[in-house]
N, C-alpha and C. Protein backbone atom coordinates (compact mmCIF):
# COMPACT_ATOMS: atom_id res chain seq x y z
N MET A 1 0.94 -0.99 -0.37
CA MET A 1 -0.12 0.12 -0.36
C MET A 1 0.86 1.16 -0.15
N THR A 2 1.69 1.46 0.68
CA THR A 2 2.79 2.43 1.07
C THR A 2 3.42 3.01 -0.22
N ARG A 3 3.61 1.17 -0.86
CA ARG A 3 4.32 1.48 -2.00
C ARG A 3 3.48 1.98 -3.38
N THR A 4 2.79 1.60 -3.53
CA THR A 4 1.76 2.39 -4.61
C THR A 4 1.60 4.02 -4.09
N VAL A 5 1.13 4.31 -3.14
CA VAL A 5 1.41 5.78 -2.37
C VAL A 5 2.15 6.72 -2.58
N LYS A 6 3.35 5.88 -3.11
CA LYS A 6 4.58 6.72 -3.36
C LYS A 6 4.29 6.88 -4.40
N SER A 7 3.85 6.01 -5.11
CA SER A 7 4.36 5.89 -6.47
C SER A 7 3.46 6.84 -7.30
N ILE A 8 2.25 7.07 -6.61
CA ILE A 8 1.16 7.89 -7.25
C ILE A 8 1.63 9.56 -6.90
N THR A 9 2.62 9.43 -5.41
CA THR A 9 3.08 10.51 -5.41
C THR A 9 3.88 11.10 -6.54
N ARG A 10 4.39 10.43 -6.73
CA ARG A 10 5.99 10.66 -7.53
C ARG A 10 5.17 10.87 -8.23
N VAL A 11 4.32 10.39 -9.32
CA VAL A 11 3.76 10.99 -10.51
C VAL A 11 2.72 12.51 -10.56
N SER A 12 2.15 12.83 -9.32
CA SER A 12 1.13 13.49 -9.47
C SER A 12 2.65 14.65 -9.53
N LEU A 13 3.87 14.46 -8.51
CA LEU A 13 4.30 15.55 -8.18
C LEU A 13 5.70 15.57 -10.22
N ILE A 14 5.57 14.33 -10.66
CA ILE A 14 6.21 15.22 -11.93
C ILE A 14 5.02 16.10 -12.88
N ALA A 15 3.91 15.33 -12.24
CA ALA A 15 2.61 16.17 -13.63
C ALA A 15 2.59 17.49 -13.04
N ALA A 16 3.04 17.69 -11.77
CA ALA A 16 3.08 19.24 -11.27
C ALA A 16 3.71 19.75 -12.14
N SER A 17 4.83 19.22 -11.98
CA SER A 17 6.24 19.82 -12.55
C SER A 17 5.82 19.88 -14.12
N VAL A 18 5.51 19.04 -14.65
CA VAL A 18 5.39 19.38 -15.70
C VAL A 18 4.23 20.36 -16.21
N ALA A 19 3.65 20.85 -15.20
CA ALA A 19 2.59 22.07 -15.77
C ALA A 19 3.17 22.90 -15.04
N LEU A 20 4.05 22.88 -14.33
CA LEU A 20 4.76 24.05 -13.99
C LEU A 20 5.41 24.71 -14.78
N ALA A 21 6.52 23.82 -15.38
CA ALA A 21 7.26 24.25 -16.44
C ALA A 21 6.92 24.81 -17.70
N SER A 22 5.55 24.17 -18.17
CA SER A 22 5.07 24.79 -18.82
C SER A 22 4.44 26.21 -18.45
N ALA A 23 4.02 26.73 -17.61
CA ALA A 23 3.23 28.18 -17.26
C ALA A 23 4.59 29.12 -16.77
N THR A 24 5.93 28.16 -16.96
CA THR A 24 6.96 29.13 -16.60
C THR A 24 7.37 29.70 -17.62
N ALA A 25 7.67 28.78 -18.63
CA ALA A 25 8.00 28.68 -19.78
C ALA A 25 7.53 30.29 -20.74
N TRP A 26 5.88 29.76 -20.13
CA TRP A 26 5.12 30.96 -20.94
C TRP A 26 5.03 32.30 -20.20
N ALA A 27 5.39 32.64 -18.75
CA ALA A 27 5.62 33.36 -18.11
C ALA A 27 6.54 34.13 -17.95
N SER A 28 7.78 32.89 -18.31
CA SER A 28 8.92 33.41 -18.84
C SER A 28 9.19 34.72 -20.29
N GLY A 29 8.55 34.34 -21.00
CA GLY A 29 8.50 35.29 -22.17
C GLY A 29 9.20 33.95 -23.51
N THR A 30 9.26 33.15 -23.29
CA THR A 30 9.75 32.13 -23.84
C THR A 30 8.51 30.62 -24.26
N HIS A 31 7.73 31.11 -24.63
CA HIS A 31 6.62 30.86 -25.18
C HIS A 31 6.72 30.95 -26.39
N ALA A 32 5.99 29.89 -27.29
CA ALA A 32 5.60 29.98 -28.61
C ALA A 32 4.48 30.78 -29.15
N HIS A 33 4.74 31.35 -30.02
CA HIS A 33 3.85 32.30 -31.00
C HIS A 33 3.27 31.86 -31.57
N SER A 34 2.58 31.73 -31.98
CA SER A 34 2.00 31.51 -33.81
C SER A 34 1.67 32.59 -34.41
N HIS A 35 2.97 33.42 -34.87
CA HIS A 35 2.78 34.43 -35.58
C HIS A 35 2.98 34.24 -37.19
N SER A 36 3.19 33.01 -37.63
CA SER A 36 3.44 32.96 -38.67
C SER A 36 2.37 32.17 -39.74
N ASP A 37 2.12 32.65 -41.11
CA ASP A 37 1.26 32.03 -41.84
C ASP A 37 1.47 30.94 -42.46
N GLY A 38 2.24 30.15 -41.69
CA GLY A 38 2.69 28.63 -42.37
C GLY A 38 3.97 28.63 -43.30
N HIS A 39 4.24 30.31 -44.00
CA HIS A 39 5.30 30.31 -44.97
C HIS A 39 6.69 30.68 -44.21
N GLY A 40 6.66 30.30 -42.79
CA GLY A 40 7.70 31.05 -42.09
C GLY A 40 8.08 32.38 -42.10
N ALA A 41 7.19 33.29 -42.67
CA ALA A 41 7.32 34.41 -42.43
C ALA A 41 6.67 34.55 -41.37
N SER A 42 6.89 35.86 -40.47
CA SER A 42 5.69 36.64 -39.65
C SER A 42 4.61 37.47 -40.22
N VAL A 43 3.52 36.78 -39.32
CA VAL A 43 2.06 38.15 -39.97
C VAL A 43 2.27 39.41 -39.29
N ILE A 44 3.30 39.80 -38.88
CA ILE A 44 3.77 40.95 -37.69
C ILE A 44 4.69 41.61 -37.70
N GLY A 45 5.49 41.06 -38.46
CA GLY A 45 7.00 41.17 -38.95
C GLY A 45 8.18 40.56 -37.91
N GLN A 46 8.99 41.39 -37.56
CA GLN A 46 10.15 40.67 -36.76
C GLN A 46 11.19 41.21 -36.44
N PRO A 47 12.36 40.41 -35.18
CA PRO A 47 12.49 41.39 -34.44
C PRO A 47 13.81 42.35 -35.37
N GLY A 48 14.01 43.34 -34.97
CA GLY A 48 14.97 44.37 -36.04
C GLY A 48 15.83 45.02 -35.17
N LYS A 49 17.14 45.07 -36.30
CA LYS A 49 18.37 45.35 -35.86
C LYS A 49 18.59 47.23 -35.34
N ALA A 50 19.66 47.06 -34.01
CA ALA A 50 19.57 48.74 -34.01
C ALA A 50 20.08 49.27 -35.18
N SER A 51 21.04 48.46 -35.80
CA SER A 51 21.65 49.87 -37.12
C SER A 51 20.93 49.62 -38.32
N LYS A 52 19.84 49.18 -38.08
CA LYS A 52 18.75 49.48 -39.37
C LYS A 52 17.45 50.21 -38.72
N VAL A 53 17.80 50.51 -37.84
CA VAL A 53 16.39 51.54 -37.03
C VAL A 53 16.74 53.21 -38.40
N SER A 54 15.30 53.25 -38.83
CA SER A 54 15.13 54.12 -39.54
C SER A 54 14.59 55.84 -38.61
N ARG A 55 13.87 55.50 -38.05
CA ARG A 55 13.37 56.33 -36.64
C ARG A 55 13.13 55.70 -35.69
N THR A 56 12.82 56.86 -34.97
CA THR A 56 12.32 56.61 -33.56
C THR A 56 10.37 57.28 -32.93
N ILE A 57 10.24 55.76 -32.70
CA ILE A 57 8.47 56.36 -32.65
C ILE A 57 8.14 56.64 -30.90
N ASN A 58 7.89 57.56 -29.95
CA ASN A 58 7.59 57.41 -29.26
C ASN A 58 6.27 57.21 -28.32
N VAL A 59 5.87 56.16 -27.47
CA VAL A 59 4.40 55.43 -27.42
C VAL A 59 4.60 55.86 -25.71
N ASP A 60 3.10 56.82 -25.10
CA ASP A 60 3.37 56.58 -23.99
C ASP A 60 2.40 55.95 -22.79
N MET A 61 2.33 55.21 -22.12
CA MET A 61 1.39 54.86 -21.33
C MET A 61 1.11 55.52 -19.89
N THR A 62 -0.10 55.29 -20.30
CA THR A 62 -1.00 56.05 -18.58
C THR A 62 -1.78 55.62 -17.74
N ASP A 63 -2.10 55.48 -16.61
CA ASP A 63 -2.49 54.65 -16.38
C ASP A 63 -4.49 55.34 -16.26
N ASN A 64 -4.71 55.87 -17.55
CA ASN A 64 -6.39 56.01 -17.62
C ASN A 64 -6.07 54.62 -18.98
N MET A 65 -5.33 53.86 -18.85
CA MET A 65 -5.23 52.59 -20.12
C MET A 65 -5.30 53.13 -21.25
N ARG A 66 -4.39 54.12 -21.84
CA ARG A 66 -4.09 54.65 -23.08
C ARG A 66 -2.60 54.51 -23.70
N PHE A 67 -2.53 54.34 -24.81
CA PHE A 67 -1.78 54.77 -25.89
C PHE A 67 -1.62 55.98 -25.97
N THR A 68 -0.31 56.72 -25.87
CA THR A 68 -0.53 57.95 -27.14
C THR A 68 0.89 58.26 -27.57
N PRO A 69 0.85 58.16 -28.96
CA PRO A 69 -0.11 57.66 -30.05
C PRO A 69 -0.91 56.06 -29.76
N ALA A 70 -2.01 56.04 -30.39
CA ALA A 70 -2.31 54.47 -30.06
C ALA A 70 -2.69 54.40 -31.65
N ASN A 71 -2.33 55.01 -32.40
CA ASN A 71 -2.78 54.47 -33.85
C ASN A 71 -1.30 54.89 -34.42
N LEU A 72 -0.23 54.35 -35.20
CA LEU A 72 1.17 54.46 -35.48
C LEU A 72 0.67 53.96 -37.28
N THR A 73 2.27 54.55 -37.98
CA THR A 73 2.08 54.55 -39.34
C THR A 73 3.40 54.34 -39.29
N VAL A 74 3.66 53.22 -40.73
CA VAL A 74 5.19 52.89 -40.42
C VAL A 74 5.22 52.51 -42.62
N LYS A 75 6.07 52.62 -42.37
CA LYS A 75 6.26 51.56 -44.13
C LYS A 75 6.89 50.72 -44.21
N LYS A 76 6.22 50.16 -44.68
CA LYS A 76 6.14 48.90 -45.61
C LYS A 76 8.61 48.20 -45.37
N GLY A 77 8.80 47.68 -44.82
CA GLY A 77 10.04 47.29 -44.85
C GLY A 77 11.24 47.91 -43.91
N GLU A 78 10.07 49.02 -43.06
CA GLU A 78 11.16 49.90 -42.27
C GLU A 78 11.23 49.23 -40.92
N THR A 79 12.53 49.60 -40.31
CA THR A 79 12.93 49.05 -38.78
C THR A 79 12.92 50.58 -37.87
N VAL A 80 11.63 50.42 -37.00
CA VAL A 80 11.72 51.16 -35.93
C VAL A 80 11.82 50.70 -34.58
N ARG A 81 11.92 51.85 -34.20
CA ARG A 81 12.63 51.70 -32.97
C ARG A 81 11.23 52.32 -31.77
N LEU A 82 10.40 51.39 -31.02
CA LEU A 82 9.62 51.70 -30.43
C LEU A 82 9.43 52.51 -29.20
N LEU A 83 9.89 53.51 -28.42
CA LEU A 83 10.03 53.75 -27.34
C LEU A 83 8.98 54.51 -26.58
N VAL A 84 9.03 53.19 -25.18
CA VAL A 84 8.01 53.19 -24.53
C VAL A 84 8.16 53.34 -23.25
N LYS A 85 7.36 54.80 -23.18
CA LYS A 85 7.61 55.52 -21.67
C LYS A 85 6.27 55.33 -20.99
N ASN A 86 6.47 54.72 -19.82
CA ASN A 86 5.50 54.50 -18.74
C ASN A 86 5.53 55.68 -17.76
N SER A 87 4.45 56.68 -17.74
CA SER A 87 4.21 57.67 -17.20
C SER A 87 3.14 57.56 -15.85
N GLY A 88 2.62 56.22 -15.70
CA GLY A 88 1.90 55.90 -14.73
C GLY A 88 2.07 55.19 -13.83
N LYS A 89 1.38 54.97 -13.05
CA LYS A 89 2.11 54.60 -11.35
C LYS A 89 1.92 53.02 -11.50
N LEU A 90 1.08 52.49 -12.27
CA LEU A 90 1.24 51.19 -12.33
C LEU A 90 2.10 50.74 -13.68
N LYS A 91 1.97 49.01 -13.33
CA LYS A 91 3.53 48.28 -14.52
C LYS A 91 2.25 48.38 -15.19
N HIS A 92 2.89 49.01 -16.74
CA HIS A 92 2.53 48.79 -18.24
C HIS A 92 2.98 47.79 -18.87
N GLU A 93 2.68 47.28 -20.39
CA GLU A 93 3.78 46.65 -21.01
C GLU A 93 3.27 47.07 -22.79
N LEU A 94 3.83 46.94 -23.63
CA LEU A 94 3.38 46.53 -24.98
C LEU A 94 3.93 45.58 -25.92
N VAL A 95 2.68 44.84 -26.59
CA VAL A 95 3.42 43.76 -26.89
C VAL A 95 2.35 43.95 -28.55
N LEU A 96 3.04 43.56 -29.49
CA LEU A 96 2.60 43.24 -30.66
C LEU A 96 1.58 42.20 -31.02
N GLY A 97 1.22 41.91 -31.60
CA GLY A 97 0.73 40.71 -32.52
C GLY A 97 -0.64 40.60 -33.20
N THR A 98 -1.05 39.64 -33.58
CA THR A 98 -2.40 39.74 -34.48
C THR A 98 -3.58 39.95 -32.69
N PRO A 99 -4.44 39.86 -33.49
CA PRO A 99 -5.64 40.17 -32.38
C PRO A 99 -5.74 38.74 -31.95
N GLN A 100 -5.78 37.59 -32.56
CA GLN A 100 -5.97 36.73 -31.81
C GLN A 100 -5.00 36.10 -31.07
N ASP A 101 -3.54 36.27 -31.63
CA ASP A 101 -2.24 36.14 -30.36
C ASP A 101 -2.53 37.20 -29.29
N LEU A 102 -2.84 38.36 -29.41
CA LEU A 102 -3.13 39.53 -28.12
C LEU A 102 -4.35 38.36 -27.28
N ALA A 103 -5.53 38.07 -27.46
CA ALA A 103 -6.85 37.89 -27.06
C ALA A 103 -6.10 36.34 -25.94
N ASP A 104 -5.65 35.75 -26.72
CA ASP A 104 -4.53 33.95 -26.02
C ASP A 104 -3.50 34.68 -25.18
N HIS A 105 -2.76 35.41 -25.39
CA HIS A 105 -1.93 36.00 -24.69
C HIS A 105 -2.56 36.92 -23.24
N TYR A 106 -3.81 37.16 -23.38
CA TYR A 106 -4.36 38.13 -22.31
C TYR A 106 -4.87 36.97 -21.60
N LYS A 107 -5.51 35.98 -21.82
CA LYS A 107 -6.09 35.20 -21.29
C LYS A 107 -5.17 34.41 -20.22
N GLN A 108 -3.77 34.15 -20.59
CA GLN A 108 -2.87 33.45 -19.51
C GLN A 108 -1.86 34.53 -19.25
N MET A 109 -2.59 35.75 -19.37
CA MET A 109 -1.95 37.01 -18.18
C MET A 109 -3.26 37.30 -17.39
N LEU A 110 -4.30 36.65 -16.75
CA LEU A 110 -5.27 36.99 -16.05
C LEU A 110 -5.07 35.56 -15.33
N LYS A 111 -4.25 34.37 -15.08
CA LYS A 111 -4.14 32.97 -14.93
C LYS A 111 -3.06 33.08 -14.34
N PHE A 112 -1.74 33.65 -15.15
CA PHE A 112 -0.64 33.71 -14.18
C PHE A 112 -0.34 35.47 -14.40
N PRO A 113 -0.98 36.37 -13.46
CA PRO A 113 -0.55 37.79 -13.38
C PRO A 113 0.78 38.41 -13.26
N GLY A 114 1.90 37.55 -12.78
CA GLY A 114 3.20 37.94 -12.63
C GLY A 114 3.96 37.81 -13.63
N MET A 115 3.57 37.41 -15.05
CA MET A 115 4.37 36.95 -16.07
C MET A 115 5.09 38.01 -16.31
N VAL A 116 6.51 37.79 -17.00
CA VAL A 116 7.96 38.49 -17.39
C VAL A 116 8.03 38.50 -18.44
N HIS A 117 7.51 39.15 -19.57
CA HIS A 117 8.17 39.10 -20.64
C HIS A 117 9.47 39.16 -21.19
N GLU A 118 9.70 39.05 -22.09
CA GLU A 118 11.16 38.52 -22.49
C GLU A 118 11.26 38.61 -24.23
N ASP A 119 10.09 38.44 -24.81
CA ASP A 119 10.14 38.09 -26.30
C ASP A 119 10.25 39.22 -27.16
N PRO A 120 10.98 39.49 -28.10
CA PRO A 120 10.98 40.58 -28.99
C PRO A 120 10.21 41.53 -29.24
N GLN A 121 8.91 41.06 -29.32
CA GLN A 121 7.62 41.89 -29.40
C GLN A 121 6.99 42.48 -28.38
N MET A 122 7.63 42.08 -27.01
CA MET A 122 6.90 42.82 -26.17
C MET A 122 7.50 43.51 -25.04
N VAL A 123 7.48 44.66 -24.30
CA VAL A 123 8.46 45.21 -23.04
C VAL A 123 7.43 45.73 -22.03
N SER A 124 8.24 44.92 -20.98
CA SER A 124 6.86 45.83 -19.44
C SER A 124 7.76 46.98 -19.72
N VAL A 125 6.52 47.28 -18.99
CA VAL A 125 7.90 49.09 -18.46
C VAL A 125 7.34 49.34 -16.57
N ASP A 126 7.92 49.44 -15.73
CA ASP A 126 7.71 49.70 -14.58
C ASP A 126 6.93 51.36 -15.10
N PRO A 127 6.53 51.61 -13.58
CA PRO A 127 5.95 53.21 -13.64
C PRO A 127 7.25 53.85 -13.42
N GLY A 128 8.01 55.28 -14.38
CA GLY A 128 8.72 55.71 -14.39
C GLY A 128 9.64 55.60 -15.55
N ALA A 129 9.27 54.43 -15.81
CA ALA A 129 10.65 53.59 -16.25
C ALA A 129 10.24 53.84 -17.84
N THR A 130 11.41 53.78 -18.93
CA THR A 130 11.31 53.16 -20.31
C THR A 130 11.76 52.27 -20.91
N GLY A 131 10.91 51.18 -21.99
CA GLY A 131 11.43 50.46 -22.88
C GLY A 131 11.72 50.62 -23.93
N GLU A 132 12.34 49.18 -24.93
CA GLU A 132 12.14 49.95 -26.17
C GLU A 132 11.79 48.10 -26.79
N ILE A 133 11.17 48.51 -28.14
CA ILE A 133 11.13 47.27 -29.15
C ILE A 133 11.51 47.64 -30.31
N ILE A 134 12.47 47.31 -30.82
CA ILE A 134 13.01 47.15 -32.26
C ILE A 134 12.42 46.14 -33.66
N TRP A 135 11.71 46.65 -34.17
CA TRP A 135 10.97 46.25 -35.19
C TRP A 135 11.08 46.18 -36.76
N ALA A 136 11.02 45.28 -37.04
CA ALA A 136 10.94 45.35 -38.62
C ALA A 136 9.77 45.23 -39.45
N PHE A 137 9.10 45.76 -40.13
CA PHE A 137 7.68 45.44 -39.93
C PHE A 137 7.71 45.22 -41.58
N ASP A 138 7.77 43.85 -41.98
CA ASP A 138 8.07 44.04 -42.90
C ASP A 138 6.92 43.06 -44.35
N ARG A 139 5.42 43.70 -44.07
CA ARG A 139 4.39 43.18 -44.50
C ARG A 139 3.45 44.41 -44.39
N ALA A 140 2.92 44.55 -45.78
CA ALA A 140 2.07 45.80 -45.26
C ALA A 140 0.54 45.17 -45.05
N GLY A 141 0.23 46.37 -43.99
CA GLY A 141 -1.32 45.54 -43.30
C GLY A 141 -1.55 46.49 -42.08
N VAL A 142 -1.88 45.62 -40.94
CA VAL A 142 -2.36 46.45 -39.57
C VAL A 142 -1.83 45.23 -38.92
N VAL A 143 -0.95 45.95 -38.01
CA VAL A 143 -0.40 45.05 -36.39
C VAL A 143 -0.96 45.94 -35.19
N ASP A 144 -1.71 44.78 -34.60
CA ASP A 144 -1.95 45.27 -33.21
C ASP A 144 -0.94 45.39 -31.91
N PHE A 145 -1.87 46.21 -31.08
CA PHE A 145 -0.91 46.25 -29.60
C PHE A 145 -1.50 46.42 -28.86
N ALA A 146 -1.18 45.65 -27.81
CA ALA A 146 -2.04 45.77 -26.11
C ALA A 146 -1.01 45.83 -25.01
N CYS A 147 -1.61 46.48 -24.34
CA CYS A 147 -1.19 46.26 -22.89
C CYS A 147 -2.09 44.72 -22.22
N LEU A 148 -1.68 43.79 -21.63
CA LEU A 148 -2.01 42.39 -21.36
C LEU A 148 -1.77 42.61 -20.00
N GLN A 149 -1.78 43.40 -19.47
CA GLN A 149 -1.41 43.73 -17.42
C GLN A 149 -2.90 43.31 -17.53
N PRO A 150 -3.29 42.24 -16.52
CA PRO A 150 -5.10 41.99 -15.98
C PRO A 150 -5.60 43.17 -15.46
N GLY A 151 -6.78 43.21 -16.65
CA GLY A 151 -7.56 44.30 -16.59
C GLY A 151 -7.17 45.38 -17.70
N HIS A 152 -6.22 45.91 -17.87
CA HIS A 152 -5.63 47.42 -18.71
C HIS A 152 -6.18 46.97 -20.64
N PHE A 153 -6.35 45.57 -20.81
CA PHE A 153 -6.74 45.00 -22.04
C PHE A 153 -8.13 44.98 -22.37
N ASP A 154 -8.79 44.91 -20.84
CA ASP A 154 -10.25 45.12 -21.14
C ASP A 154 -10.74 46.43 -21.24
N ALA A 155 -10.32 47.52 -20.41
CA ALA A 155 -10.08 48.52 -19.88
C ALA A 155 -9.95 49.45 -21.76
N GLY A 156 -9.53 48.79 -22.81
CA GLY A 156 -9.10 49.19 -23.73
C GLY A 156 -7.40 49.62 -24.52
N MET A 157 -7.10 49.65 -23.48
CA MET A 157 -5.37 49.93 -24.01
C MET A 157 -5.24 48.81 -24.72
N VAL A 158 -5.12 49.36 -26.25
CA VAL A 158 -5.17 49.17 -26.87
C VAL A 158 -4.55 49.89 -28.19
N GLY A 159 -3.44 49.37 -29.50
CA GLY A 159 -3.66 50.60 -30.57
C GLY A 159 -3.06 49.55 -32.05
N LYS A 160 -3.02 50.24 -32.75
CA LYS A 160 -2.62 49.44 -33.83
C LYS A 160 -1.19 50.50 -34.50
N VAL A 161 -1.04 49.52 -35.68
CA VAL A 161 0.29 50.07 -36.43
C VAL A 161 -0.25 50.04 -37.82
N ALA A 162 -0.36 51.01 -38.64
CA ALA A 162 -1.07 50.37 -40.22
C ALA A 162 0.87 50.33 -40.64
N VAL A 163 0.67 49.57 -41.37
CA VAL A 163 2.03 49.44 -42.51
C VAL A 163 1.62 49.44 -43.53
N LYS A 164 2.00 50.44 -44.29
CA LYS A 164 1.93 50.73 -45.39
C LYS A 164 2.87 51.06 -47.10
C-alpha cells in the first residue's frame, strides 16, 4: 500500500512539475507564438536590428489605460524603435501581435498575472521607466498592440500600427 501511494505521489509531482514548467515557459516569455502564416514569415514582422532603425516612435502609456499615440503608421520594410514610456503609477506593457495572439496571451496573463516578458515583440515597463522594441515591419497591413496586464486590455489599452 505504501509503495502504491509513493508511486502515485511521484507521478503527481512529475505532472505538477510539467504543468509548472509549461506555465513558467509562458510566463518567462519563452513561450511559442503563432505569428506565422505557414510559410515561415511572420504576419506581424520580425525583430529588427538597431543598425537598421530608420526612426524612433515615442509611445506613452498612462494609468487612464491608453497609449499615446494609439495609432501608428510605418512603411513596409521599415525598422523602427518603439520607445515606450510608462508615465503611470502602474506597470504597463506594449505587446505586438495579431488580435488572436493578443487575446490568447491576455487569457494567460489573467491566470498568471506576474508573468515577465522577454520576447522581442513585447516590453514590460515599470512606472516611471522607459523600454523599447526594435521591430522590422516587413508586410503591409495592420499590426495590433496592447497592454496585457490584467484589466488593462479589457479597459481598452490597445492600438494599431498601419504598415503601408
